[in-house]
N, C-alpha and C. Protein backbone atom coordinates (compact mmCIF):
# COMPACT_ATOMS: atom_id res chain seq x y z
N MET A 1 11.48 35.87 -5.81
CA MET A 1 10.98 34.70 -5.17
C MET A 1 12.01 33.59 -5.16
N SER A 2 12.28 33.05 -4.10
CA SER A 2 13.27 31.86 -3.95
C SER A 2 12.76 30.56 -4.81
N VAL A 3 13.67 29.85 -5.16
CA VAL A 3 13.65 28.54 -5.65
C VAL A 3 12.61 27.82 -4.61
N ARG A 4 12.86 27.66 -3.47
CA ARG A 4 12.25 26.88 -2.40
C ARG A 4 10.88 27.53 -2.42
N ARG A 5 10.62 28.60 -2.49
CA ARG A 5 9.06 29.17 -2.61
C ARG A 5 8.50 28.76 -3.73
N ARG A 6 9.23 28.74 -4.82
CA ARG A 6 8.75 28.26 -5.96
C ARG A 6 7.92 26.96 -6.17
N HIS A 7 8.77 25.91 -5.53
CA HIS A 7 8.21 24.66 -5.73
C HIS A 7 8.04 24.14 -4.34
N ASN A 8 8.26 24.87 -3.28
CA ASN A 8 7.88 24.53 -1.89
C ASN A 8 8.27 23.17 -1.46
N GLY A 9 9.47 22.91 -1.63
CA GLY A 9 10.17 21.75 -1.47
C GLY A 9 9.80 20.32 -2.45
N VAL A 10 8.72 20.54 -3.26
CA VAL A 10 8.72 19.21 -4.33
C VAL A 10 9.13 19.78 -5.74
N GLN A 11 9.96 18.73 -6.06
CA GLN A 11 10.95 18.87 -7.25
C GLN A 11 11.19 17.86 -7.69
N LYS A 12 11.94 17.66 -8.78
CA LYS A 12 12.62 16.53 -9.67
C LYS A 12 14.27 16.77 -9.73
N ILE A 13 14.83 15.62 -9.38
CA ILE A 13 16.44 15.93 -9.61
C ILE A 13 17.11 15.50 -10.78
N CYS A 14 16.23 15.26 -11.85
CA CYS A 14 16.81 14.72 -12.85
C CYS A 14 17.14 16.10 -13.87
N HIS A 15 17.80 15.64 -14.98
CA HIS A 15 18.36 16.77 -16.05
C HIS A 15 17.15 17.36 -17.16
N CYS A 16 16.07 16.92 -16.82
CA CYS A 16 15.21 17.35 -17.70
C CYS A 16 14.80 18.74 -17.86
N GLY A 17 15.02 19.45 -16.64
CA GLY A 17 14.81 20.95 -16.69
C GLY A 17 13.36 21.22 -16.19
N ARG A 18 13.03 22.11 -15.38
CA ARG A 18 12.16 22.38 -14.68
C ARG A 18 10.74 22.65 -15.61
N SER A 19 10.94 23.11 -16.85
CA SER A 19 9.68 23.12 -17.63
C SER A 19 8.90 21.83 -18.17
N ARG A 20 10.11 20.69 -17.96
CA ARG A 20 9.97 19.49 -18.53
C ARG A 20 8.88 18.42 -17.43
N TRP A 21 9.25 19.11 -16.02
CA TRP A 21 9.12 18.30 -15.09
C TRP A 21 7.41 17.53 -15.03
N PRO A 22 6.54 18.37 -15.47
CA PRO A 22 5.28 17.82 -15.64
C PRO A 22 5.35 16.68 -16.52
N LYS A 23 5.94 16.28 -17.46
CA LYS A 23 5.68 15.31 -18.37
C LYS A 23 6.82 14.37 -18.58
N CYS A 24 7.98 14.66 -17.67
CA CYS A 24 9.12 13.66 -17.63
C CYS A 24 8.77 12.62 -16.61
N PRO A 25 9.25 11.38 -17.01
CA PRO A 25 8.91 10.15 -15.91
C PRO A 25 9.51 9.69 -14.81
N HIS A 26 10.40 10.80 -14.54
CA HIS A 26 11.39 10.86 -13.40
C HIS A 26 10.35 11.04 -12.10
N ALA A 27 10.84 10.52 -10.95
CA ALA A 27 10.34 10.70 -9.75
C ALA A 27 10.42 12.06 -9.14
N TRP A 28 9.12 12.46 -8.50
CA TRP A 28 9.10 13.60 -7.66
C TRP A 28 9.88 13.57 -6.17
N TYR A 29 10.32 14.58 -5.76
CA TYR A 29 11.08 14.66 -4.36
C TYR A 29 10.99 15.49 -3.79
N LEU A 30 10.77 15.34 -2.35
CA LEU A 30 10.32 16.22 -1.19
C LEU A 30 11.70 16.45 -0.51
N ARG A 31 12.18 17.86 -0.69
CA ARG A 31 13.03 18.33 0.25
C ARG A 31 12.56 19.04 1.35
N PHE A 32 13.22 18.95 2.59
CA PHE A 32 12.30 19.42 3.65
C PHE A 32 13.19 19.56 4.85
N LYS A 33 13.19 20.54 5.77
CA LYS A 33 13.84 20.76 6.75
C LYS A 33 13.10 21.44 8.12
N ALA A 34 12.79 20.69 8.78
CA ALA A 34 11.86 21.60 10.02
C ALA A 34 13.15 22.07 10.97
N ARG A 35 12.45 23.32 11.46
CA ARG A 35 13.48 24.08 12.49
C ARG A 35 14.07 23.01 13.54
N ARG A 36 15.54 23.19 13.64
CA ARG A 36 16.29 22.37 14.64
C ARG A 36 15.97 20.88 14.37
N GLY A 37 15.70 20.64 12.92
CA GLY A 37 15.58 19.12 12.70
C GLY A 37 16.38 18.68 11.36
N PRO A 38 16.65 17.39 11.11
CA PRO A 38 17.37 17.10 10.15
C PRO A 38 16.79 17.34 8.78
N ARG A 39 17.83 17.42 7.88
CA ARG A 39 17.15 17.64 6.47
C ARG A 39 16.83 16.35 5.68
N TRP A 40 15.66 16.46 4.94
CA TRP A 40 15.07 15.44 4.31
C TRP A 40 15.16 15.45 2.71
N GLN A 41 15.58 14.43 2.20
CA GLN A 41 15.38 14.36 0.59
C GLN A 41 14.69 13.20 0.42
N LEU A 42 13.46 13.13 -0.07
CA LEU A 42 12.76 11.67 -0.33
C LEU A 42 12.08 11.80 -1.60
N SER A 43 12.46 10.53 -2.19
CA SER A 43 11.77 10.16 -3.54
C SER A 43 10.40 9.67 -3.31
N LEU A 44 9.36 10.45 -3.89
CA LEU A 44 7.83 10.14 -3.26
C LEU A 44 7.56 8.57 -3.84
N ASP A 45 8.13 8.32 -5.28
CA ASP A 45 7.94 6.97 -5.73
C ASP A 45 8.19 5.95 -4.90
N ALA A 46 9.56 6.08 -4.32
CA ALA A 46 9.96 5.21 -3.37
C ALA A 46 9.28 4.85 -2.04
N GLU A 47 8.97 6.35 -1.45
CA GLU A 47 8.43 6.20 -0.05
C GLU A 47 6.83 5.51 -0.03
N LEU A 48 5.96 5.70 -1.31
CA LEU A 48 4.66 5.37 -1.53
C LEU A 48 4.71 3.96 -2.18
N GLY A 49 5.72 3.64 -3.00
CA GLY A 49 5.75 2.47 -3.49
C GLY A 49 4.86 2.39 -4.96
N ARG A 50 4.67 3.64 -5.61
CA ARG A 50 3.73 3.84 -6.73
C ARG A 50 4.63 4.99 -7.37
N HIS A 51 3.95 5.12 -8.69
CA HIS A 51 4.77 6.28 -9.35
C HIS A 51 3.76 7.19 -9.17
N ILE A 52 4.17 8.65 -8.63
CA ILE A 52 3.35 9.66 -8.80
C ILE A 52 3.71 10.76 -9.90
N GLY A 53 2.74 10.87 -10.74
CA GLY A 53 2.76 11.27 -12.16
C GLY A 53 2.75 13.10 -11.90
N SER A 54 1.71 13.43 -11.74
CA SER A 54 1.24 14.80 -11.66
C SER A 54 2.10 15.68 -10.43
N LYS A 55 2.22 16.83 -10.51
CA LYS A 55 3.00 17.53 -9.42
C LYS A 55 1.59 17.87 -8.29
N THR A 56 0.61 18.16 -8.90
CA THR A 56 -0.67 18.41 -7.83
C THR A 56 -0.64 17.18 -6.93
N GLU A 57 -0.57 15.81 -7.23
CA GLU A 57 -0.55 14.71 -6.65
C GLU A 57 0.66 14.74 -5.66
N ALA A 58 1.96 15.16 -6.07
CA ALA A 58 2.99 15.08 -5.44
C ALA A 58 3.00 15.94 -4.38
N GLU A 59 2.25 17.07 -4.70
CA GLU A 59 2.38 17.93 -3.59
C GLU A 59 1.36 17.49 -2.59
N VAL A 60 0.31 16.83 -2.77
CA VAL A 60 -0.65 16.27 -1.75
C VAL A 60 0.27 15.25 -0.78
N GLU A 61 0.86 14.34 -1.52
CA GLU A 61 1.55 13.52 -0.77
C GLU A 61 2.91 14.03 0.12
N ALA A 62 3.34 14.87 -0.49
CA ALA A 62 4.55 15.46 0.03
C ALA A 62 4.05 16.31 1.35
N ALA A 63 2.78 16.92 1.27
CA ALA A 63 2.22 17.61 2.61
C ALA A 63 1.93 16.50 3.52
N THR A 64 1.56 15.33 3.22
CA THR A 64 1.30 14.36 4.31
C THR A 64 2.37 13.82 5.09
N ILE A 65 3.39 13.69 4.12
CA ILE A 65 4.65 13.39 4.86
C ILE A 65 5.29 14.23 5.73
N ARG A 66 5.16 15.48 5.32
CA ARG A 66 5.69 16.73 5.87
C ARG A 66 5.04 16.75 7.14
N ALA A 67 3.74 16.36 7.00
CA ALA A 67 2.93 16.53 8.51
C ALA A 67 3.36 15.39 9.37
N ALA A 68 3.90 14.20 8.88
CA ALA A 68 3.96 13.30 9.56
C ALA A 68 5.36 13.26 10.18
N ILE A 69 6.28 13.93 9.36
CA ILE A 69 7.71 14.23 9.77
C ILE A 69 7.52 15.44 11.06
N LEU A 70 6.87 16.08 11.04
CA LEU A 70 6.79 17.10 12.12
C LEU A 70 5.80 16.56 13.28
N ALA A 71 4.95 15.72 13.17
CA ALA A 71 4.42 14.93 14.28
C ALA A 71 5.39 13.82 14.82
N GLY A 72 6.32 13.44 14.22
CA GLY A 72 7.19 12.38 14.67
C GLY A 72 6.72 11.10 14.41
N THR A 73 5.90 11.13 13.49
CA THR A 73 5.43 9.69 13.10
C THR A 73 6.00 9.11 11.63
N PHE A 74 6.64 9.74 11.04
CA PHE A 74 7.18 9.31 9.65
C PHE A 74 8.01 8.11 9.74
N GLU A 75 7.66 7.26 8.96
CA GLU A 75 8.72 6.09 9.02
C GLU A 75 9.15 5.47 7.36
N ARG A 76 10.44 5.94 7.02
CA ARG A 76 10.72 5.73 5.58
C ARG A 76 10.63 4.42 5.00
N ALA A 77 10.34 4.29 4.04
CA ALA A 77 9.94 2.91 3.21
C ALA A 77 11.15 1.99 3.56
N ALA A 78 12.14 2.34 3.61
CA ALA A 78 13.29 1.52 3.71
C ALA A 78 13.48 0.57 5.20
N ASP A 79 13.20 1.63 6.11
CA ASP A 79 12.98 1.49 7.54
C ASP A 79 11.99 0.36 7.81
N ARG A 80 10.79 0.74 6.94
CA ARG A 80 9.61 0.04 7.26
C ARG A 80 9.89 -1.66 6.59
N LEU A 81 10.34 -1.66 5.42
CA LEU A 81 11.07 -2.98 4.82
C LEU A 81 11.88 -3.52 5.82
N ALA A 82 12.90 -3.20 6.60
CA ALA A 82 13.70 -3.77 7.34
C ALA A 82 12.94 -4.31 8.58
N ARG A 83 11.95 -3.57 8.93
CA ARG A 83 11.34 -4.10 10.21
C ARG A 83 10.37 -5.23 9.89
N GLU A 84 9.87 -5.15 8.63
CA GLU A 84 8.92 -6.09 8.19
C GLU A 84 9.75 -7.35 7.87
N LEU A 85 11.06 -7.35 7.18
CA LEU A 85 11.81 -8.42 6.96
C LEU A 85 12.56 -8.95 8.27
N ARG A 86 12.50 -8.17 9.17
CA ARG A 86 13.53 -8.75 10.11
C ARG A 86 12.95 -9.81 11.01
N PRO A 87 13.84 -11.07 11.18
CA PRO A 87 13.26 -12.25 11.83
C PRO A 87 13.19 -12.29 13.35
N THR A 88 12.13 -12.76 13.93
CA THR A 88 12.03 -12.83 15.39
C THR A 88 12.23 -14.01 15.96
N ALA A 89 12.58 -14.12 17.22
CA ALA A 89 12.77 -15.31 17.94
C ALA A 89 12.19 -16.38 17.47
N CYS A 90 10.87 -16.18 17.13
CA CYS A 90 10.11 -17.65 16.59
C CYS A 90 10.03 -17.51 15.03
N GLY A 91 10.78 -17.03 14.45
CA GLY A 91 10.70 -17.09 13.17
C GLY A 91 10.64 -15.94 12.39
N PRO A 92 10.04 -16.07 11.05
CA PRO A 92 9.90 -14.70 10.16
C PRO A 92 8.91 -13.84 10.98
N ALA A 93 8.80 -12.55 10.52
CA ALA A 93 7.73 -11.43 11.08
C ALA A 93 6.45 -12.23 10.59
N THR A 94 5.53 -11.91 11.50
CA THR A 94 4.40 -12.49 11.30
C THR A 94 3.44 -11.63 10.40
N SER A 95 3.90 -10.13 10.18
CA SER A 95 3.06 -9.37 9.17
C SER A 95 3.20 -9.99 7.86
N ALA A 96 2.50 -9.55 6.83
CA ALA A 96 2.48 -10.05 5.35
C ALA A 96 3.69 -9.71 4.93
N GLY A 97 4.09 -8.57 5.22
CA GLY A 97 5.38 -7.83 4.59
C GLY A 97 5.21 -7.07 3.41
N ILE A 98 6.17 -6.21 2.92
CA ILE A 98 6.16 -5.37 2.00
C ILE A 98 5.91 -6.03 0.36
N ALA A 99 5.24 -5.64 -0.45
CA ALA A 99 4.74 -6.19 -1.69
C ALA A 99 6.15 -5.98 -2.59
N LEU A 100 6.45 -6.95 -3.31
CA LEU A 100 7.40 -6.83 -4.33
C LEU A 100 7.74 -5.70 -5.24
N ASP A 101 6.46 -5.20 -5.62
CA ASP A 101 6.63 -3.83 -6.43
C ASP A 101 7.01 -2.92 -5.86
N ALA A 102 6.77 -2.56 -4.40
CA ALA A 102 7.20 -1.67 -3.75
C ALA A 102 8.56 -2.00 -3.32
N PHE A 103 8.97 -2.98 -2.95
CA PHE A 103 10.47 -3.32 -2.79
C PHE A 103 11.23 -3.03 -3.91
N ALA A 104 10.84 -3.26 -4.99
CA ALA A 104 11.89 -3.13 -6.37
C ALA A 104 11.92 -1.55 -6.49
N ARG A 105 11.00 -0.48 -6.44
CA ARG A 105 11.18 0.85 -6.45
C ARG A 105 12.39 1.28 -5.36
N ILE A 106 11.98 0.72 -4.15
CA ILE A 106 12.87 1.07 -3.21
C ILE A 106 14.67 0.48 -3.31
N TYR A 107 14.55 -0.49 -4.01
CA TYR A 107 16.05 -1.27 -4.21
C TYR A 107 16.52 -0.22 -5.38
N VAL A 108 15.66 0.08 -6.43
CA VAL A 108 16.24 0.86 -7.60
C VAL A 108 16.49 2.26 -6.96
N ASP A 109 15.81 2.92 -6.13
CA ASP A 109 16.06 4.24 -5.56
C ASP A 109 17.15 4.14 -4.69
N ARG A 110 17.20 3.07 -3.88
CA ARG A 110 18.45 3.18 -2.70
C ARG A 110 19.51 2.62 -3.03
N ALA A 111 19.36 1.54 -3.87
CA ALA A 111 20.57 0.92 -4.44
C ALA A 111 21.26 1.10 -5.92
N SER A 112 20.28 0.72 -6.77
CA SER A 112 20.78 0.88 -8.18
C SER A 112 21.16 2.37 -8.42
N LYS A 113 20.60 3.31 -8.10
CA LYS A 113 20.81 4.44 -8.45
C LYS A 113 21.87 5.25 -7.87
N PRO A 114 22.29 4.79 -6.47
CA PRO A 114 23.24 5.68 -5.57
C PRO A 114 24.67 4.77 -6.15
N SER A 115 24.58 3.72 -6.75
CA SER A 115 25.74 2.88 -7.03
C SER A 115 26.45 3.40 -8.17
N GLY A 116 25.67 4.41 -8.86
CA GLY A 116 26.44 5.03 -9.81
C GLY A 116 26.53 4.19 -11.40
N LYS A 117 25.57 3.03 -11.29
CA LYS A 117 25.50 2.33 -12.57
C LYS A 117 24.66 3.08 -13.49
N VAL A 118 25.04 3.35 -14.78
CA VAL A 118 24.30 4.04 -15.91
C VAL A 118 23.37 2.97 -16.41
N SER A 119 23.19 1.95 -15.60
CA SER A 119 22.08 0.95 -16.46
C SER A 119 21.10 0.61 -15.49
N TRP A 120 21.08 1.59 -14.37
CA TRP A 120 19.90 1.51 -13.43
C TRP A 120 18.61 1.24 -13.79
N ALA A 121 18.34 1.96 -15.03
CA ALA A 121 17.15 1.94 -15.70
C ALA A 121 16.69 0.52 -16.21
N LYS A 122 17.86 -0.31 -16.63
CA LYS A 122 17.33 -1.73 -17.01
C LYS A 122 17.15 -2.48 -15.75
N ASP A 123 17.74 -2.12 -14.71
CA ASP A 123 17.31 -2.54 -13.43
C ASP A 123 15.82 -2.78 -13.24
N ALA A 124 15.49 -1.33 -13.23
CA ALA A 124 13.87 -1.04 -13.32
C ALA A 124 12.95 -1.72 -14.31
N SER A 125 13.40 -1.88 -15.22
CA SER A 125 12.95 -2.77 -16.36
C SER A 125 12.70 -4.13 -16.16
N MET A 126 13.78 -4.49 -15.86
CA MET A 126 13.91 -6.08 -15.66
C MET A 126 12.87 -6.32 -14.06
N PHE A 127 13.00 -5.43 -13.41
CA PHE A 127 12.00 -5.40 -12.10
C PHE A 127 10.50 -5.44 -12.51
N ASP A 128 10.20 -4.82 -13.52
CA ASP A 128 8.87 -4.37 -14.27
C ASP A 128 8.29 -5.67 -14.63
N ARG A 129 9.26 -6.29 -15.41
CA ARG A 129 8.70 -7.90 -15.85
C ARG A 129 8.62 -8.84 -14.79
N PHE A 130 9.56 -8.81 -13.85
CA PHE A 130 9.47 -9.55 -12.76
C PHE A 130 8.13 -9.49 -11.98
N CYS A 131 7.94 -8.22 -11.78
CA CYS A 131 6.62 -7.93 -10.95
C CYS A 131 5.46 -8.48 -11.76
N ALA A 132 5.43 -8.38 -13.23
CA ALA A 132 4.36 -8.44 -13.90
C ALA A 132 4.20 -9.96 -14.33
N TYR A 133 4.72 -10.58 -13.93
CA TYR A 133 4.96 -12.21 -14.14
C TYR A 133 3.64 -12.81 -13.40
N ARG A 134 2.80 -13.72 -14.19
CA ARG A 134 1.53 -14.24 -13.38
C ARG A 134 1.74 -15.53 -12.87
N SER A 135 1.78 -16.13 -11.43
CA SER A 135 2.05 -17.45 -11.40
C SER A 135 0.44 -18.14 -11.35
N THR A 136 0.71 -19.48 -10.69
CA THR A 136 -0.50 -20.07 -10.75
C THR A 136 -1.89 -19.59 -10.31
N ASP A 137 -1.89 -18.45 -9.34
CA ASP A 137 -3.13 -17.72 -8.93
C ASP A 137 -3.63 -16.66 -9.84
N GLU A 138 -2.53 -16.31 -10.66
CA GLU A 138 -2.95 -15.35 -11.67
C GLU A 138 -2.85 -14.05 -11.32
N ARG A 139 -2.41 -13.75 -10.01
CA ARG A 139 -1.98 -12.44 -9.29
C ARG A 139 -0.37 -12.15 -10.04
N ALA A 140 -0.43 -10.96 -10.47
CA ALA A 140 0.87 -10.45 -10.66
C ALA A 140 1.81 -10.54 -9.42
N LEU A 141 3.10 -11.02 -9.80
CA LEU A 141 4.05 -11.23 -8.66
C LEU A 141 4.20 -10.06 -7.98
N GLY A 142 4.15 -9.06 -8.66
CA GLY A 142 4.51 -7.63 -7.73
C GLY A 142 3.40 -7.05 -6.80
N GLN A 143 2.42 -8.10 -6.75
CA GLN A 143 1.29 -7.82 -5.57
C GLN A 143 1.74 -8.97 -4.31
N TRP A 144 2.54 -9.73 -4.76
CA TRP A 144 2.83 -10.77 -3.61
C TRP A 144 3.64 -10.15 -2.37
N PRO A 145 3.40 -10.29 -1.08
CA PRO A 145 4.24 -9.80 -0.09
C PRO A 145 5.62 -10.43 -0.50
N LEU A 146 6.60 -10.11 -0.09
CA LEU A 146 7.88 -10.58 -0.26
C LEU A 146 8.29 -11.77 0.24
N PRO A 147 8.06 -11.72 1.47
CA PRO A 147 8.55 -13.13 2.24
C PRO A 147 7.43 -14.45 1.46
N SER A 148 6.36 -14.26 0.80
CA SER A 148 5.82 -15.21 0.39
C SER A 148 6.29 -15.66 -0.76
N ILE A 149 7.35 -15.25 -1.69
CA ILE A 149 7.68 -15.62 -2.85
C ILE A 149 8.56 -16.86 -2.56
N THR A 150 8.43 -17.92 -3.15
CA THR A 150 9.03 -19.38 -2.96
C THR A 150 10.07 -19.61 -4.15
N GLU A 151 10.93 -20.44 -4.02
CA GLU A 151 11.81 -21.07 -4.79
C GLU A 151 11.16 -21.48 -6.00
N ASP A 152 9.99 -22.32 -5.89
CA ASP A 152 9.35 -22.58 -7.31
C ASP A 152 8.62 -21.61 -7.94
N VAL A 153 8.15 -20.74 -7.31
CA VAL A 153 7.69 -19.51 -8.32
C VAL A 153 8.75 -18.76 -9.10
N ILE A 154 10.19 -18.70 -8.33
CA ILE A 154 11.20 -17.85 -9.12
C ILE A 154 11.65 -18.94 -10.06
N GLU A 155 11.60 -20.37 -9.99
CA GLU A 155 12.08 -21.09 -11.13
C GLU A 155 10.94 -21.09 -12.28
N ALA A 156 9.84 -20.92 -11.98
CA ALA A 156 8.79 -20.61 -13.01
C ALA A 156 9.07 -19.50 -13.70
N PHE A 157 9.32 -18.47 -13.11
CA PHE A 157 9.72 -17.26 -13.76
C PHE A 157 10.60 -17.34 -14.77
N PHE A 158 11.89 -17.87 -14.24
CA PHE A 158 13.20 -18.33 -15.09
C PHE A 158 12.55 -19.16 -16.28
N ALA A 159 11.79 -20.20 -16.02
CA ALA A 159 11.28 -20.91 -17.17
C ALA A 159 10.51 -20.12 -18.30
N SER A 160 9.90 -18.93 -17.99
CA SER A 160 9.19 -17.96 -18.76
C SER A 160 10.26 -17.32 -19.61
N LEU A 161 11.46 -17.40 -19.39
CA LEU A 161 12.43 -16.42 -20.09
C LEU A 161 13.14 -17.28 -20.99
N SER A 162 12.79 -18.72 -21.19
CA SER A 162 13.62 -19.62 -22.04
C SER A 162 13.79 -19.03 -23.29
N ASP A 163 13.15 -17.94 -23.89
CA ASP A 163 13.54 -17.64 -25.28
C ASP A 163 14.65 -16.40 -25.37
N PHE A 164 14.93 -15.96 -24.28
CA PHE A 164 15.79 -15.08 -23.93
C PHE A 164 17.13 -15.62 -24.21
N ALA A 165 18.17 -14.62 -24.46
CA ALA A 165 19.37 -15.17 -24.53
C ALA A 165 20.01 -15.48 -23.09
N ALA A 166 20.93 -16.29 -23.08
CA ALA A 166 21.53 -16.53 -21.95
C ALA A 166 22.14 -15.43 -21.22
N SER A 167 22.67 -14.67 -21.85
CA SER A 167 23.14 -13.38 -21.34
C SER A 167 22.38 -12.37 -20.48
N THR A 168 21.05 -12.59 -21.29
CA THR A 168 19.97 -11.70 -20.83
C THR A 168 19.47 -12.35 -19.36
N ARG A 169 19.30 -13.64 -19.62
CA ARG A 169 18.71 -14.35 -18.33
C ARG A 169 19.56 -14.16 -17.19
N ASN A 170 21.05 -14.18 -17.48
CA ASN A 170 22.15 -13.94 -16.49
C ASN A 170 21.93 -12.59 -15.87
N LYS A 171 21.59 -11.75 -16.47
CA LYS A 171 21.33 -10.22 -16.07
C LYS A 171 20.28 -10.44 -14.88
N TYR A 172 19.27 -11.02 -15.19
CA TYR A 172 18.04 -11.31 -14.20
C TYR A 172 18.65 -11.79 -12.98
N VAL A 173 19.46 -13.07 -13.24
CA VAL A 173 20.02 -13.76 -12.14
C VAL A 173 20.81 -12.73 -11.19
N GLN A 174 21.76 -11.84 -11.72
CA GLN A 174 22.40 -11.01 -10.83
C GLN A 174 21.52 -9.93 -10.20
N LEU A 175 20.56 -9.54 -10.85
CA LEU A 175 19.81 -8.46 -10.28
C LEU A 175 19.01 -8.96 -9.03
N LEU A 176 18.30 -10.21 -9.31
CA LEU A 176 17.49 -10.85 -8.21
C LEU A 176 18.30 -11.13 -7.14
N ARG A 177 19.54 -11.77 -7.34
CA ARG A 177 20.44 -12.22 -6.04
C ARG A 177 20.87 -10.95 -5.48
N ALA A 178 21.25 -10.02 -6.25
CA ALA A 178 21.99 -8.77 -5.52
C ALA A 178 20.86 -8.06 -4.59
N SER A 179 19.64 -7.84 -5.22
CA SER A 179 18.37 -7.14 -4.49
C SER A 179 18.03 -7.92 -3.31
N PHE A 180 17.92 -9.39 -3.29
CA PHE A 180 17.35 -10.09 -2.29
C PHE A 180 18.25 -10.18 -1.13
N ARG A 181 19.72 -10.04 -1.24
CA ARG A 181 20.70 -10.24 -0.51
C ARG A 181 20.67 -9.02 0.33
N TRP A 182 20.72 -7.80 -0.58
CA TRP A 182 20.48 -6.54 0.00
C TRP A 182 19.10 -6.32 0.86
N ALA A 183 18.16 -7.13 0.57
CA ALA A 183 17.19 -7.18 1.71
C ALA A 183 17.49 -7.57 2.89
N VAL A 184 18.08 -8.67 2.75
CA VAL A 184 18.21 -9.53 3.94
C VAL A 184 19.41 -8.78 4.67
N LYS A 185 20.18 -8.20 4.00
CA LYS A 185 21.35 -7.42 4.69
C LYS A 185 20.75 -6.19 5.56
N LYS A 186 19.92 -5.42 4.87
CA LYS A 186 18.91 -4.36 5.66
C LYS A 186 18.09 -4.99 6.68
N SER A 187 17.74 -5.99 6.85
CA SER A 187 16.93 -6.63 7.77
C SER A 187 17.68 -6.94 8.90
N ARG A 188 18.97 -7.00 8.94
CA ARG A 188 19.67 -7.49 9.98
C ARG A 188 20.36 -6.53 11.07
N PRO A 189 20.12 -6.18 12.04
CA PRO A 189 20.57 -5.19 13.04
C PRO A 189 22.04 -5.36 12.98
N GLY A 190 22.88 -4.24 12.73
CA GLY A 190 24.17 -4.26 12.70
C GLY A 190 25.04 -4.79 11.25
N ASN A 191 24.08 -5.38 10.64
CA ASN A 191 24.54 -5.98 9.48
C ASN A 191 26.07 -6.70 9.56
N ALA A 192 26.03 -7.75 10.71
CA ALA A 192 27.17 -8.14 11.18
C ALA A 192 27.94 -9.07 9.94
N ARG A 193 26.96 -9.64 9.05
CA ARG A 193 27.60 -10.78 8.01
C ARG A 193 27.45 -9.72 6.72
N ALA A 194 27.30 -8.68 6.57
CA ALA A 194 26.90 -8.04 5.28
C ALA A 194 27.59 -8.55 4.11
N HIS A 195 29.06 -9.04 4.34
CA HIS A 195 29.76 -9.81 3.27
C HIS A 195 29.22 -11.14 2.83
N GLN A 196 28.41 -11.65 3.49
CA GLN A 196 27.75 -13.05 3.15
C GLN A 196 26.38 -13.39 3.73
N PRO A 197 25.38 -12.25 3.44
CA PRO A 197 24.14 -12.42 4.44
C PRO A 197 23.37 -13.57 4.40
N LEU A 198 23.42 -14.31 3.63
CA LEU A 198 22.76 -15.69 3.43
C LEU A 198 23.33 -17.09 4.13
N ALA A 199 24.73 -16.66 4.50
CA ALA A 199 25.45 -17.80 4.90
C ALA A 199 24.85 -18.59 5.98
N ASP A 200 24.24 -18.07 7.08
CA ASP A 200 23.97 -18.68 8.25
C ASP A 200 22.47 -19.23 8.29
N LEU A 201 21.96 -19.07 7.15
CA LEU A 201 20.39 -19.41 6.93
C LEU A 201 20.31 -21.09 6.75
N ASP A 202 19.46 -21.76 7.57
CA ASP A 202 19.23 -23.16 7.72
C ASP A 202 17.96 -23.42 6.75
N LEU A 203 18.09 -23.92 5.44
CA LEU A 203 17.04 -23.91 4.52
C LEU A 203 16.75 -25.34 4.26
N PRO A 204 15.34 -25.75 4.03
CA PRO A 204 14.97 -26.94 3.43
C PRO A 204 15.39 -26.95 2.07
N ALA A 205 15.55 -28.44 1.90
CA ALA A 205 15.78 -28.63 0.26
C ALA A 205 15.05 -27.96 -0.71
N ARG A 206 13.51 -28.03 -0.54
CA ARG A 206 12.78 -27.42 -1.66
C ARG A 206 11.92 -26.32 -1.07
N ARG A 207 11.20 -25.50 -1.86
CA ARG A 207 10.35 -24.39 -1.49
C ARG A 207 10.65 -23.62 -0.56
N ARG A 208 11.89 -23.33 -0.50
CA ARG A 208 12.39 -22.30 0.45
C ARG A 208 11.57 -21.04 0.54
N GLU A 209 11.51 -20.37 1.73
CA GLU A 209 10.33 -19.44 1.60
C GLU A 209 11.31 -17.91 1.70
N GLY A 210 10.45 -17.01 1.01
CA GLY A 210 11.06 -15.74 1.08
C GLY A 210 12.44 -15.45 0.28
N VAL A 211 12.92 -14.30 0.95
CA VAL A 211 13.97 -13.82 0.42
C VAL A 211 15.15 -14.75 0.28
N ALA A 212 15.19 -15.71 1.25
CA ALA A 212 16.27 -16.47 1.22
C ALA A 212 15.96 -17.66 0.15
N GLY A 213 14.96 -17.85 -0.20
CA GLY A 213 14.53 -18.74 -1.27
C GLY A 213 14.96 -18.35 -2.55
N ILE A 214 14.76 -17.14 -2.71
CA ILE A 214 14.92 -16.54 -3.91
C ILE A 214 16.36 -16.52 -4.36
N ASP A 215 17.37 -16.43 -3.30
CA ASP A 215 18.69 -16.38 -3.79
C ASP A 215 19.12 -17.73 -4.19
N ALA A 216 18.37 -18.82 -3.55
CA ALA A 216 18.75 -20.31 -3.82
C ALA A 216 18.06 -20.57 -5.42
N ALA A 217 17.05 -20.08 -5.48
CA ALA A 217 16.17 -20.23 -6.73
C ALA A 217 17.06 -19.55 -8.12
N VAL A 218 17.60 -18.30 -7.74
CA VAL A 218 18.21 -17.74 -8.76
C VAL A 218 19.47 -18.20 -9.21
N ARG A 219 20.29 -18.90 -8.31
CA ARG A 219 21.28 -19.96 -8.85
C ARG A 219 21.11 -20.85 -9.93
N CYS A 220 19.73 -21.57 -9.57
CA CYS A 220 19.36 -22.38 -10.89
C CYS A 220 19.24 -21.89 -12.29
N GLY A 221 19.07 -20.11 -12.17
CA GLY A 221 18.99 -19.78 -13.59
C GLY A 221 20.13 -19.76 -14.20
N THR A 222 21.24 -19.92 -13.61
CA THR A 222 22.72 -20.27 -14.20
C THR A 222 23.06 -21.64 -14.85
N CYS A 223 22.15 -22.40 -14.52
CA CYS A 223 22.26 -23.97 -14.93
C CYS A 223 22.11 -23.92 -16.27
């Protein structure tokens, strides 16, 4: 029996070994190729915006994605993120937008890990703390749509890190700046200004909205 038939395209790509897959914390992946179609390798965690623990659940979700691919209706999470963040002629997209916790998973899977950083797990851990932070309305920040996060919220989060070493706070600054600039870059067709993706945004002095506001706010974290 071939490897493909044993796992039906649902597997992990970590070094834990097949026998440890049901218990190891790494993401399940779907590998799939339709006849005369492109080859897919998808992290289920990144595509669904949540962690899939059991293989049984992974197989159910993989079957849904596989069916959507065959029907031509599947949209990758990163593409959906770009669509939701892409500004229109009348201003920001009118949809609520992707939630921060879903974006964090996408960024770690699509940017931190492929970069070759051995510290990508630290990026994930810092995002976990950021997403768990509760602002004035008592909702965890991870539940907030990305465009609704303002400069004031980010400043409050950095104030909650006042007991941390300056070097640790700076790591948060670097992560948030890099990740939200990445989001803006991905939301722009052609990525014409990928080297400086926020340079042409005209921002008000206070309460800058969405990803642009976060870049401004994290600069305050270095002060």
